[in-house]
C-alpha cells in the first residue's frame, strides 16, 4: 500500500489479502459466538493509501545521494495511512475465496447487516530514487505503526469520503511491523512519465480537474504485531500467542480505476487505549465525515480529526 510521485501526497489503489495466524483463524463475524468462519486468509477490497510526506522523502533521497549542499542526512522516512473493507475469506482446507456477505458453508445465519473494516498506519524509508528511470524503492520500518479492525452493524464505510472505516466495535489491534521481510527492497513504484485524471472509476469522476501521475508498483509482505497484539475474544476465537496478521498480494496503480480515491484518512488509533479495553465494549468513531466536493482535492474541507491529502503539481 504505498507510493507515487505526487508532489506532497502519495495516493494509489491496492488490493490485499490479509492472513491471520500461521494456521486457520476462527472468526465469529458478528461477535455473537455464532456465524463462525474458519479461514486461512481474509480478502480486503481495493482501496486508497496516503504516503504522508512521501514525495519529500523521495526528494530528500535524491538530494542526499548527490550530497547537495554538503548534506546527506535529510529524512527519507514517511508514514503510510490506509483503510479497507473485508469482502471475503479463503476457507481453511482449500477452495477459492468466498465473498461477504453471503452463505458460508454450513452457516445458517451469515453476516448480512454489518461490515468488518481495518485502518492502519506505519512508516517506510526510501532506499533508492532513480530520476533517470522515475523509479523509487522503499523498506518498511521495523516496529513502526499499528493496525486496527472493527465490526460495525451499519454498512457505512465509504471509499470516497474515507468515513466509516474506524467506527463500531474494536475487534483487533496489532502494533509494530516486523520490518524488511525479503532480502530485496520491500516495495517499488515507477512513474511512467504521463499524467491523467485521478479518478477514472466506472461510477464517474469525483475529482474534476484533479490530475495525477500515472504509474504502477508492488509491495512485499508486511507483518504486524511485533510489539503487541490485543484481540476481542467475542470475535477472534484464538489465543493471542497464536495470532499474527500480515498484508500480502498488494498491487499499486494510478490513476484510480478500482475504487474511488479517498478525500480523508484516519491518522490516529481508537481513543480506547489498551489499558481500558474490555472484550466487546471498546468502540471507535470515524475521524472522517461524509461530505465530498467534486473538484480538486484541496476543494474539500479539512476534517476536524481526519487528514485531508495535499496534492501538488504533477
C-alpha atoms as a PDB file:
ATOM      1  CA  UNK A   1       0.000   0.000   0.000  1.00  0.00           C
ATOM      2  CA  UNK A   2       2.043   2.854  -0.965  1.00  0.00           C
ATOM      3  CA  UNK A   3       3.923   5.091  -3.327  1.00  0.00           C
ATOM      4  CA  UNK A   4       3.588   7.601  -6.081  1.00  0.00           C
ATOM      5  CA  UNK A   5       5.445  10.655  -7.220  1.00  0.00           C
ATOM      6  CA  UNK A   6       2.775  13.215  -6.457  1.00  0.00           C
ATOM      7  CA  UNK A   7       4.090  16.451  -5.036  1.00  0.00           C
ATOM      8  CA  UNK A   8       3.246  16.341  -1.347  1.00  0.00           C
ATOM      9  CA  UNK A   9       0.804  13.431  -1.328  1.00  0.00           C
ATOM     10  CA  UNK A  10       1.054   9.874  -2.438  1.00  0.00           C
ATOM     11  CA  UNK A  11      -2.155   8.018  -3.161  1.00  0.00           C
ATOM     12  CA  UNK A  12      -2.823   4.791  -5.023  1.00  0.00           C
ATOM     13  CA  UNK A  13      -5.198   1.866  -5.024  1.00  0.00           C
ATOM     14  CA  UNK A  14      -4.269  -1.532  -3.635  1.00  0.00           C
ATOM     15  CA  UNK A  15      -5.834  -4.898  -3.058  1.00  0.00           C
ATOM     16  CA  UNK A  16      -4.634  -7.042  -0.182  1.00  0.00           C
ATOM     17  CA  UNK A  17      -5.351 -10.442   1.269  1.00  0.00           C
ATOM     18  CA  UNK A  18      -4.537 -10.368   4.960  1.00  0.00           C
ATOM     19  CA  UNK A  19      -3.875 -13.638   6.721  1.00  0.00           C
ATOM     20  CA  UNK A  20      -4.064 -14.153  10.456  1.00  0.00           C
ATOM     21  CA  UNK A  21      -2.060 -16.828  12.281  1.00  0.00           C
ATOM     22  CA  UNK A  22       0.204 -19.462  10.804  1.00  0.00           C
ATOM     23  CA  UNK A  23      -2.781 -21.833  10.838  1.00  0.00           C
ATOM     24  CA  UNK A  24      -6.554 -21.373  10.422  1.00  0.00           C
ATOM     25  CA  UNK A  25      -8.312 -18.480  12.124  1.00  0.00           C
ATOM     26  CA  UNK A  26     -11.684 -18.982  13.833  1.00  0.00           C
ATOM     27  CA  UNK A  27     -13.663 -15.762  13.437  1.00  0.00           C
ATOM     28  CA  UNK A  28     -17.176 -15.027  14.738  1.00  0.00           C
ATOM     29  CA  UNK A  29     -18.157 -12.447  12.146  1.00  0.00           C
ATOM     30  CA  UNK A  30     -20.633 -10.536  14.320  1.00  0.00           C
ATOM     31  CA  UNK A  31     -19.194 -11.220  17.789  1.00  0.00           C
ATOM     32  CA  UNK A  32     -22.161 -13.334  18.835  1.00  0.00           C
ATOM     33  CA  UNK A  33     -20.173 -16.549  19.162  1.00  0.00           C
ATOM     34  CA  UNK A  34     -22.026 -17.791  16.088  1.00  0.00           C
ATOM     35  CA  UNK A  35     -21.548 -17.024  12.400  1.00  0.00           C
ATOM     36  CA  UNK A  36     -18.072 -18.571  12.715  1.00  0.00           C
ATOM     37  CA  UNK A  37     -15.768 -18.897   9.743  1.00  0.00           C
ATOM     38  CA  UNK A  38     -12.506 -20.854   9.802  1.00  0.00           C
ATOM     39  CA  UNK A  39     -10.206 -19.104   7.363  1.00  0.00           C
ATOM     40  CA  UNK A  40      -6.667 -19.273   6.047  1.00  0.00           C
ATOM     41  CA  UNK A  41      -6.849 -15.717   4.653  1.00  0.00           C
ATOM     42  CA  UNK A  42      -9.112 -12.673   4.695  1.00  0.00           C
ATOM     43  CA  UNK A  43      -9.736 -10.706   1.496  1.00  0.00           C
ATOM     44  CA  UNK A  44      -9.912  -6.895   1.519  1.00  0.00           C
ATOM     45  CA  UNK A  45     -11.381  -4.607  -1.124  1.00  0.00           C
ATOM     46  CA  UNK A  46      -9.278  -2.354  -3.370  1.00  0.00           C
ATOM     47  CA  UNK A  47      -8.784   0.931  -1.545  1.00  0.00           C
ATOM     48  CA  UNK A  48      -6.648   4.053  -1.037  1.00  0.00           C
ATOM     49  CA  UNK A  49      -3.480   4.783   0.841  1.00  0.00           C
ATOM     50  CA  UNK A  50      -1.746   8.032   1.656  1.00  0.00           C
ATOM     51  CA  UNK A  51       2.036   8.416   1.863  1.00  0.00           C
ATOM     52  CA  UNK A  52       2.321  11.279   4.309  1.00  0.00           C
ATOM     53  CA  UNK A  53       5.428  13.223   3.260  1.00  0.00           C
ATOM     54  CA  UNK A  54       6.286  10.581   0.660  1.00  0.00           C
ATOM     55  CA  UNK A  55       7.284  12.932  -2.143  1.00  0.00           C
ATOM     56  CA  UNK A  56       9.557  14.938   0.155  1.00  0.00           C
ATOM     57  CA  UNK A  57      11.198  11.727   1.352  1.00  0.00           C
ATOM     58  CA  UNK A  58      11.902  10.746  -2.275  1.00  0.00           C
ATOM     59  CA  UNK A  59      13.290  14.234  -2.995  1.00  0.00           C
ATOM     60  CA  UNK A  60      15.486  14.043   0.099  1.00  0.00           C
ATOM     61  CA  UNK A  61      16.916  10.704  -1.038  1.00  0.00           C
ATOM     62  CA  UNK A  62      17.908  12.237  -4.380  1.00  0.00           C
ATOM     63  CA  UNK A  63      19.490  15.230  -2.630  1.00  0.00           C
ATOM     64  CA  UNK A  64      21.329  13.015  -0.130  1.00  0.00           C
ATOM     65  CA  UNK A  65      22.747  10.787  -2.857  1.00  0.00           C
ATOM     66  CA  UNK A  66      24.048  13.839  -4.705  1.00  0.00           C
ATOM     67  CA  UNK A  67      25.359  15.358  -1.451  1.00  0.00           C
ATOM     68  CA  UNK A  68      23.675  18.637  -2.389  1.00  0.00           C
ATOM     69  CA  UNK A  69      24.929  21.441  -0.152  1.00  0.00           C
ATOM     70  CA  UNK A  70      27.269  19.004   1.538  1.00  0.00           C
ATOM     71  CA  UNK A  71      24.280  17.408   3.314  1.00  0.00           C
ATOM     72  CA  UNK A  72      23.461  13.689   3.087  1.00  0.00           C
ATOM     73  CA  UNK A  73      21.287  13.069   6.144  1.00  0.00           C
ATOM     74  CA  UNK A  74      17.929  14.570   5.162  1.00  0.00           C
ATOM     75  CA  UNK A  75      14.988  12.453   6.366  1.00  0.00           C
ATOM     76  CA  UNK A  76      13.859   9.795   3.877  1.00  0.00           C
ATOM     77  CA  UNK A  77      11.120   8.305   6.078  1.00  0.00           C
ATOM     78  CA  UNK A  78       7.388   8.822   5.592  1.00  0.00           C
ATOM     79  CA  UNK A  79       4.176   7.401   7.096  1.00  0.00           C
ATOM     80  CA  UNK A  80       1.541   5.374   5.254  1.00  0.00           C
ATOM     81  CA  UNK A  81      -2.156   5.677   6.139  1.00  0.00           C
ATOM     82  CA  UNK A  82      -4.754   3.301   4.734  1.00  0.00           C
ATOM     83  CA  UNK A  83      -8.174   1.721   5.316  1.00  0.00           C
ATOM     84  CA  UNK A  84     -10.097  -1.159   3.748  1.00  0.00           C
ATOM     85  CA  UNK A  85     -13.263  -3.236   3.993  1.00  0.00           C
ATOM     86  CA  UNK A  86     -13.318  -7.021   4.292  1.00  0.00           C
ATOM     87  CA  UNK A  87     -15.111  -8.543   1.325  1.00  0.00           C
ATOM     88  CA  UNK A  88     -14.333 -12.261   1.613  1.00  0.00           C
ATOM     89  CA  UNK A  89     -12.230 -15.045   3.043  1.00  0.00           C
ATOM     90  CA  UNK A  90     -10.460 -18.205   1.967  1.00  0.00           C
ATOM     91  CA  UNK A  91     -11.818 -21.188   3.935  1.00  0.00           C
ATOM     92  CA  UNK A  92      -9.375 -23.409   5.751  1.00  0.00           C
ATOM     93  CA  UNK A  93      -8.514 -26.603   3.896  1.00  0.00           C
ATOM     94  CA  UNK A  94      -8.566 -25.149   0.401  1.00  0.00           C
ATOM     95  CA  UNK A  95     -11.038 -23.724  -2.053  1.00  0.00           C
ATOM     96  CA  UNK A  96     -11.466 -20.272  -3.557  1.00  0.00           C
ATOM     97  CA  UNK A  97     -12.312 -17.052  -1.762  1.00  0.00           C
ATOM     98  CA  UNK A  98     -15.923 -16.643  -0.595  1.00  0.00           C
ATOM     99  CA  UNK A  99     -17.483 -13.182  -0.705  1.00  0.00           C
ATOM    100  CA  UNK A 100     -19.142 -11.248   2.144  1.00  0.00           C
ATOM    101  CA  UNK A 101     -21.993 -11.031   2.843  1.00  0.00           C
ATOM    102  CA  UNK A 102     -23.173 -14.411   1.628  1.00  0.00           C
ATOM    103  CA  UNK A 103     -23.627 -18.018   2.605  1.00  0.00           C
ATOM    104  CA  UNK A 104     -20.600 -19.503   4.339  1.00  0.00           C
ATOM    105  CA  UNK A 105     -20.657 -23.272   4.111  1.00  0.00           C
ATOM    106  CA  UNK A 106     -22.854 -24.633   6.916  1.00  0.00           C
ATOM    107  CA  UNK A 107     -23.638 -21.244   8.453  1.00  0.00           C
ATOM    108  CA  UNK A 108     -27.377 -20.782   8.734  1.00  0.00           C
ATOM    109  CA  UNK A 109     -27.198 -17.121   9.742  1.00  0.00           C
ATOM    110  CA  UNK A 110     -24.488 -15.385   7.710  1.00  0.00           C
ATOM    111  CA  UNK A 111     -23.328 -11.817   8.234  1.00  0.00           C
ATOM    112  CA  UNK A 112     -25.799  -9.773   6.190  1.00  0.00           C
ATOM    113  CA  UNK A 113     -26.254  -6.499   8.031  1.00  0.00           C
ATOM    114  CA  UNK A 114     -22.800  -5.422   9.161  1.00  0.00           C
ATOM    115  CA  UNK A 115     -19.249  -4.900   7.912  1.00  0.00           C
ATOM    116  CA  UNK A 116     -15.672  -5.517   9.010  1.00  0.00           C
ATOM    117  CA  UNK A 117     -13.058  -2.859   8.328  1.00  0.00           C
ATOM    118  CA  UNK A 118      -9.423  -2.049   9.066  1.00  0.00           C
ATOM    119  CA  UNK A 119      -7.376   1.121   9.418  1.00  0.00           C
ATOM    120  CA  UNK A 120      -3.587   1.155   9.578  1.00  0.00           C
ATOM    121  CA  UNK A 121      -0.555   3.421   9.879  1.00  0.00           C
ATOM    122  CA  UNK A 122       3.141   2.553   9.610  1.00  0.00           C
ATOM    123  CA  UNK A 123       6.436   4.020   8.405  1.00  0.00           C
ATOM    124  CA  UNK A 124       8.612   3.445   5.355  1.00  0.00           C
ATOM    125  CA  UNK A 125      12.044   4.612   4.279  1.00  0.00           C
ATOM    126  CA  UNK A 126      13.104   5.435   0.722  1.00  0.00           C
ATOM    127  CA  UNK A 127      16.093   3.204  -0.099  1.00  0.00           C
ATOM    128  CA  UNK A 128      16.650   4.334  -3.689  1.00  0.00           C
ATOM    129  CA  UNK A 129      15.311   7.006  -6.020  1.00  0.00           C
ATOM    130  CA  UNK A 130      16.432   6.979  -9.640  1.00  0.00           C
ATOM    131  CA  UNK A 131      15.452  10.124 -11.549  1.00  0.00           C
ATOM    132  CA  UNK A 132      16.588   8.626 -14.871  1.00  0.00           C
ATOM    133  CA  UNK A 133      14.130   5.729 -14.634  1.00  0.00           C
ATOM    134  CA  UNK A 134      11.487   7.502 -12.459  1.00  0.00           C
ATOM    135  CA  UNK A 135      11.652   4.548 -10.070  1.00  0.00           C
ATOM    136  CA  UNK A 136      11.746   4.556  -6.265  1.00  0.00           C
ATOM    137  CA  UNK A 137      12.155   1.717  -3.742  1.00  0.00           C
ATOM    138  CA  UNK A 138      11.098   1.517  -0.109  1.00  0.00           C
ATOM    139  CA  UNK A 139      11.586  -0.518   3.072  1.00  0.00           C
ATOM    140  CA  UNK A 140       9.063  -0.894   5.889  1.00  0.00           C
ATOM    141  CA  UNK A 141      10.440   0.478   9.175  1.00  0.00           C
ATOM    142  CA  UNK A 142      10.655  -2.220  11.864  1.00  0.00           C
ATOM    143  CA  UNK A 143       8.378  -1.861  14.911  1.00  0.00           C
ATOM    144  CA  UNK A 144       6.518   1.108  13.414  1.00  0.00           C
ATOM    145  CA  UNK A 145       2.803   1.689  13.267  1.00  0.00           C
ATOM    146  CA  UNK A 146      -0.371  -0.190  14.063  1.00  0.00           C
ATOM    147  CA  UNK A 147      -3.432  -1.807  12.502  1.00  0.00           C
ATOM    148  CA  UNK A 148      -6.982  -1.934  13.935  1.00  0.00           C
ATOM    149  CA  UNK A 149     -10.001  -3.989  12.885  1.00  0.00           C
ATOM    150  CA  UNK A 150     -13.637  -3.022  13.542  1.00  0.00           C
ATOM    151  CA  UNK A 151     -17.109  -4.544  13.320  1.00  0.00           C
ATOM    152  CA  UNK A 152     -19.983  -2.173  12.560  1.00  0.00           C
ATOM    153  CA  UNK A 153     -23.649  -3.144  12.389  1.00  0.00           C
ATOM    154  CA  UNK A 154     -24.084  -0.388   9.792  1.00  0.00           C
ATOM    155  CA  UNK A 155     -22.572  -0.854   6.332  1.00  0.00           C
ATOM    156  CA  UNK A 156     -21.265   2.706   6.092  1.00  0.00           C
ATOM    157  CA  UNK A 157     -17.595   2.506   5.051  1.00  0.00           C
ATOM    158  CA  UNK A 158     -17.202   4.872   2.102  1.00  0.00           C
ATOM    159  CA  UNK A 159     -14.159   4.807  -0.206  1.00  0.00           C
ATOM    160  CA  UNK A 160     -14.702   8.354  -1.484  1.00  0.00           C
ATOM    161  CA  UNK A 161     -15.004  10.172   1.855  1.00  0.00           C
ATOM    162  CA  UNK A 162     -12.903   7.777   3.941  1.00  0.00           C
ATOM    163  CA  UNK A 163     -15.687   7.718   6.546  1.00  0.00           C
ATOM    164  CA  UNK A 164     -16.986   4.666   8.393  1.00  0.00           C
ATOM    165  CA  UNK A 165     -13.742   2.644   8.459  1.00  0.00           C
ATOM    166  CA  UNK A 166     -12.939   3.205  12.152  1.00  0.00           C
ATOM    167  CA  UNK A 167     -16.379   3.085  13.772  1.00  0.00           C
ATOM    168  CA  UNK A 168     -18.093   0.287  15.663  1.00  0.00           C
ATOM    169  CA  UNK A 169     -16.660  -2.377  17.959  1.00  0.00           C
ATOM    170  CA  UNK A 170     -12.895  -2.772  18.094  1.00  0.00           C
ATOM    171  CA  UNK A 171     -12.038  -6.377  17.138  1.00  0.00           C
ATOM    172  CA  UNK A 172      -8.250  -6.354  16.990  1.00  0.00           C
ATOM    173  CA  UNK A 173      -5.258  -4.102  17.472  1.00  0.00           C
ATOM    174  CA  UNK A 174      -1.714  -5.059  16.479  1.00  0.00           C
ATOM    175  CA  UNK A 175       1.177  -2.642  16.986  1.00  0.00           C
ATOM    176  CA  UNK A 176       4.572  -2.686  15.332  1.00  0.00           C
ATOM    177  CA  UNK A 177       5.639  -4.038  11.953  1.00  0.00           C
ATOM    178  CA  UNK A 178       8.378  -6.627  11.591  1.00  0.00           C
ATOM    179  CA  UNK A 179      10.270  -4.558   9.024  1.00  0.00           C
ATOM    180  CA  UNK A 180      12.002  -5.977   5.976  1.00  0.00           C
ATOM    181  CA  UNK A 181      10.798  -9.484   5.096  1.00  0.00           C
ATOM    182  CA  UNK A 182      12.775 -10.133   1.926  1.00  0.00           C
ATOM    183  CA  UNK A 183      16.450  -9.561   1.206  1.00  0.00           C
ATOM    184  CA  UNK A 184      15.475  -7.120  -1.546  1.00  0.00           C
ATOM    185  CA  UNK A 185      13.591  -3.844  -1.112  1.00  0.00           C
ATOM    186  CA  UNK A 186      10.083  -4.168   0.295  1.00  0.00           C
ATOM    187  CA  UNK A 187       8.310  -2.068  -2.308  1.00  0.00           C
ATOM    188  CA  UNK A 188       8.724  -0.221  -5.599  1.00  0.00           C
ATOM    189  CA  UNK A 189       6.899   2.385  -7.636  1.00  0.00           C
ATOM    190  CA  UNK A 190       7.601   3.630 -11.163  1.00  0.00           C
ATOM    191  CA  UNK A 191       6.181   6.786 -12.728  1.00  0.00           C
ATOM    192  CA  UNK A 192       5.601   6.183 -16.456  1.00  0.00           C
ATOM    193  CA  UNK A 193       6.084   9.856 -17.347  1.00  0.00           C
ATOM    194  CA  UNK A 194       2.464  10.711 -18.210  1.00  0.00           C
ATOM    195  CA  UNK A 195      -0.403  12.337 -16.339  1.00  0.00           C
ATOM    196  CA  UNK A 196      -4.127  11.654 -16.207  1.00  0.00           C
ATOM    197  CA  UNK A 197      -7.269  12.116 -14.149  1.00  0.00           C
ATOM    198  CA  UNK A 198      -7.010  10.971 -10.531  1.00  0.00           C
ATOM    199  CA  UNK A 199     -10.398   9.191 -10.605  1.00  0.00           C
ATOM    200  CA  UNK A 200     -11.289   7.003 -13.615  1.00  0.00           C
ATOM    201  CA  UNK A 201     -13.644   4.568 -11.859  1.00  0.00           C
ATOM    202  CA  UNK A 202     -16.682   3.337 -13.774  1.00  0.00           C
ATOM    203  CA  UNK A 203     -19.051   5.274 -11.492  1.00  0.00           C
ATOM    204  CA  UNK A 204     -17.697   8.611 -12.716  1.00  0.00           C
ATOM    205  CA  UNK A 205     -15.004  11.150 -11.915  1.00  0.00           C
ATOM    206  CA  UNK A 206     -15.490  12.675  -8.462  1.00  0.00           C
ATOM    207  CA  UNK A 207     -12.391  14.890  -8.737  1.00  0.00           C
ATOM    208  CA  UNK A 208     -12.994  17.053 -11.801  1.00  0.00           C
ATOM    209  CA  UNK A 209      -9.777  18.865 -12.743  1.00  0.00           C
ATOM    210  CA  UNK A 210      -7.548  16.855 -10.383  1.00  0.00           C
ATOM    211  CA  UNK A 211      -4.581  15.305 -12.207  1.00  0.00           C
ATOM    212  CA  UNK A 212      -2.148  12.610 -11.127  1.00  0.00           C
ATOM    213  CA  UNK A 213       0.983  10.987 -12.437  1.00  0.00           C
ATOM    214  CA  UNK A 214       0.459   7.532 -13.954  1.00  0.00           C
ATOM    215  CA  UNK A 215       2.411   4.576 -12.700  1.00  0.00           C
ATOM    216  CA  UNK A 216       2.409   1.191 -11.030  1.00  0.00           C
ATOM    217  CA  UNK A 217       4.185  -0.708  -8.293  1.00  0.00           C
ATOM    218  CA  UNK A 218       4.131  -3.574  -5.830  1.00  0.00           C
ATOM    219  CA  UNK A 219       4.753  -4.292  -2.167  1.00  0.00           C
ATOM    220  CA  UNK A 220       6.032  -7.403  -0.453  1.00  0.00           C
ATOM    221  CA  UNK A 221       4.522  -8.844   2.719  1.00  0.00           C
ATOM    222  CA  UNK A 222       4.031  -6.570   5.740  1.00  0.00           C
ATOM    223  CA  UNK A 223       3.612  -8.221   9.148  1.00  0.00           C
ATOM    224  CA  UNK A 224       2.030  -6.528  12.152  1.00  0.00           C
ATOM    225  CA  UNK A 225       2.224  -7.445  15.829  1.00  0.00           C
ATOM    226  CA  UNK A 226       5.930  -7.236  16.572  1.00  0.00           C
ATOM    227  CA  UNK A 227       5.363  -5.131  19.702  1.00  0.00           C
ATOM    228  CA  UNK A 228       1.862  -6.083  20.802  1.00  0.00           C
ATOM    229  CA  UNK A 229      -1.485  -7.702  19.950  1.00  0.00           C
ATOM    230  CA  UNK A 230      -4.925  -7.324  21.514  1.00  0.00           C
ATOM    231  CA  UNK A 231      -7.886  -9.460  20.440  1.00  0.00           C
ATOM    232  CA  UNK A 232     -11.589  -9.109  21.182  1.00  0.00           C
ATOM    233  CA  UNK A 233     -12.330 -12.743  22.031  1.00  0.00           C
ATOM    234  CA  UNK A 234     -16.009 -12.337  21.157  1.00  0.00           C
ATOM    235  CA  UNK A 235     -14.876 -12.131  17.520  1.00  0.00           C
ATOM    236  CA  UNK A 236     -11.433 -13.723  17.190  1.00  0.00           C
ATOM    237  CA  UNK A 237     -11.664 -17.144  18.800  1.00  0.00           C
ATOM    238  CA  UNK A 238      -7.965 -17.852  19.154  1.00  0.00           C
ATOM    239  CA  UNK A 239      -5.122 -17.263  21.602  1.00  0.00           C
ATOM    240  CA  UNK A 240      -3.080 -14.086  21.364  1.00  0.00           C
ATOM    241  CA  UNK A 241       0.106 -16.180  21.444  1.00  0.00           C
ATOM    242  CA  UNK A 242      -1.021 -17.966  18.273  1.00  0.00           C
ATOM    243  CA  UNK A 243      -2.090 -14.843  16.392  1.00  0.00           C
ATOM    244  CA  UNK A 244      -0.323 -12.677  13.829  1.00  0.00           C
ATOM    245  CA  UNK A 245      -1.587 -10.613  10.944  1.00  0.00           C
ATOM    246  CA  UNK A 246       0.100  -9.655   7.696  1.00  0.00           C
ATOM    247  CA  UNK A 247      -0.702  -7.934   4.425  1.00  0.00           C
ATOM    248  CA  UNK A 248       0.269  -9.610   1.178  1.00  0.00           C
ATOM    249  CA  UNK A 249      -0.575  -9.649  -2.546  1.00  0.00           C
ATOM    250  CA  UNK A 250      -0.520  -5.855  -2.647  1.00  0.00           C
ATOM    251  CA  UNK A 251      -0.580  -4.164  -6.046  1.00  0.00           C
ATOM    252  CA  UNK A 252      -0.399  -0.438  -6.736  1.00  0.00           C
ATOM    253  CA  UNK A 253      -1.727   1.577  -9.636  1.00  0.00           C
ATOM    254  CA  UNK A 254      -2.518   5.146 -10.655  1.00  0.00           C
ATOM    255  CA  UNK A 255      -4.904   6.610 -11.674  1.00  0.00           C
ATOM    256  CA  UNK A 256      -7.692   5.031  -9.616  1.00  0.00           C
ATOM    257  CA  UNK A 257      -9.791   2.529 -11.531  1.00  0.00           C
ATOM    258  CA  UNK A 258     -10.938   0.005  -8.881  1.00  0.00           C
ATOM    259  CA  UNK A 259     -12.106   2.308  -6.069  1.00  0.00           C
ATOM    260  CA  UNK A 260     -12.796   5.994  -5.537  1.00  0.00           C
ATOM    261  CA  UNK A 261      -9.746   7.819  -4.134  1.00  0.00           C
ATOM    262  CA  UNK A 262     -10.403   8.880  -0.544  1.00  0.00           C
ATOM    263  CA  UNK A 263     -10.503  12.542   0.463  1.00  0.00           C
ATOM    264  CA  UNK A 264      -9.850  11.737   4.146  1.00  0.00           C
ATOM    265  CA  UNK A 265      -7.838   9.239   6.218  1.00  0.00           C
ATOM    266  CA  UNK A 266      -7.848   8.234   9.885  1.00  0.00           C
ATOM    267  CA  UNK A 267      -4.423   9.266  11.256  1.00  0.00           C
ATOM    268  CA  UNK A 268      -4.729   8.036  14.848  1.00  0.00           C
ATOM    269  CA  UNK A 269      -5.738   4.921  16.762  1.00  0.00           C
ATOM    270  CA  UNK A 270      -9.027   4.470  18.573  1.00  0.00           C
ATOM    271  CA  UNK A 271      -9.338   6.513  21.762  1.00  0.00           C
ATOM    272  CA  UNK A 272      -9.902   3.231  23.624  1.00  0.00           C
ATOM    273  CA  UNK A 273      -6.407   2.567  24.988  1.00  0.00           C
ATOM    274  CA  UNK A 274      -5.084  -0.917  25.662  1.00  0.00           C
ATOM    275  CA  UNK A 275      -5.271  -0.435  29.414  1.00  0.00           C
ATOM    276  CA  UNK A 276      -9.011   0.315  29.306  1.00  0.00           C
ATOM    277  CA  UNK A 277     -10.132  -2.238  26.705  1.00  0.00           C
ATOM    278  CA  UNK A 278     -12.556  -4.958  27.743  1.00  0.00           C
ATOM    279  CA  UNK A 279     -13.876  -7.506  25.261  1.00  0.00           C
ATOM    280  CA  UNK A 280     -16.921  -6.298  23.386  1.00  0.00           C
ATOM    281  CA  UNK A 281     -17.011  -2.784  24.840  1.00  0.00           C
ATOM    282  CA  UNK A 282     -14.211  -0.862  23.118  1.00  0.00           C
ATOM    283  CA  UNK A 283     -15.578   1.248  20.273  1.00  0.00           C
ATOM    284  CA  UNK A 284     -14.269   3.725  17.764  1.00  0.00           C
ATOM    285  CA  UNK A 285     -15.683   6.718  15.885  1.00  0.00           C
ATOM    286  CA  UNK A 286     -14.958   7.701  12.308  1.00  0.00           C
ATOM    287  CA  UNK A 287     -12.479  10.567  12.100  1.00  0.00           C
ATOM    288  CA  UNK A 288     -13.702  11.438   8.588  1.00  0.00           C
ATOM    289  CA  UNK A 289     -17.065  12.987   7.684  1.00  0.00           C
ATOM    290  CA  UNK A 290     -19.413  12.004   4.847  1.00  0.00           C
ATOM    291  CA  UNK A 291     -19.046  15.180   2.785  1.00  0.00           C
ATOM    292  CA  UNK A 292     -17.307  15.394  -0.595  1.00  0.00           C
ATOM    293  CA  UNK A 293     -16.812  18.221  -3.091  1.00  0.00           C
ATOM    294  CA  UNK A 294     -16.387  17.279  -6.759  1.00  0.00           C
ATOM    295  CA  UNK A 295     -13.236  19.084  -7.821  1.00  0.00           C
ATOM    296  CA  UNK A 296      -9.641  19.395  -6.698  1.00  0.00           C
ATOM    297  CA  UNK A 297      -8.692  17.502  -3.555  1.00  0.00           C
ATOM    298  CA  UNK A 298      -7.978  20.909  -1.983  1.00  0.00           C
ATOM    299  CA  UNK A 299     -11.627  21.949  -2.527  1.00  0.00           C
ATOM    300  CA  UNK A 300     -12.683  19.519   0.185  1.00  0.00           C
ATOM    301  CA  UNK A 301     -12.909  20.779   3.751  1.00  0.00           C
ATOM    302  CA  UNK A 302     -10.172  19.833   6.193  1.00  0.00           C
ATOM    303  CA  UNK A 303     -11.838  17.428   8.672  1.00  0.00           C
ATOM    304  CA  UNK A 304     -11.692  18.143  12.392  1.00  0.00           C
ATOM    305  CA  UNK A 305      -9.747  14.983  13.248  1.00  0.00           C
ATOM    306  CA  UNK A 306      -9.100  13.123   9.975  1.00  0.00           C
ATOM    307  CA  UNK A 307      -6.399  14.018   7.450  1.00  0.00           C
ATOM    308  CA  UNK A 308      -7.097  15.663   4.071  1.00  0.00           C
ATOM    309  CA  UNK A 309      -4.491  14.687   1.434  1.00  0.00           C
ATOM    310  CA  UNK A 310      -2.448  17.514  -0.069  1.00  0.00           C
ATOM    311  CA  UNK A 311      -1.800  17.052  -3.802  1.00  0.00           C
ATOM    312  CA  UNK A 312       0.684  19.322  -5.541  1.00  0.00           C
ATOM    313  CA  UNK A 313       1.716  19.710  -9.175  1.00  0.00           C
ATOM    314  CA  UNK A 314       2.465  16.616 -11.227  1.00  0.00           C
END
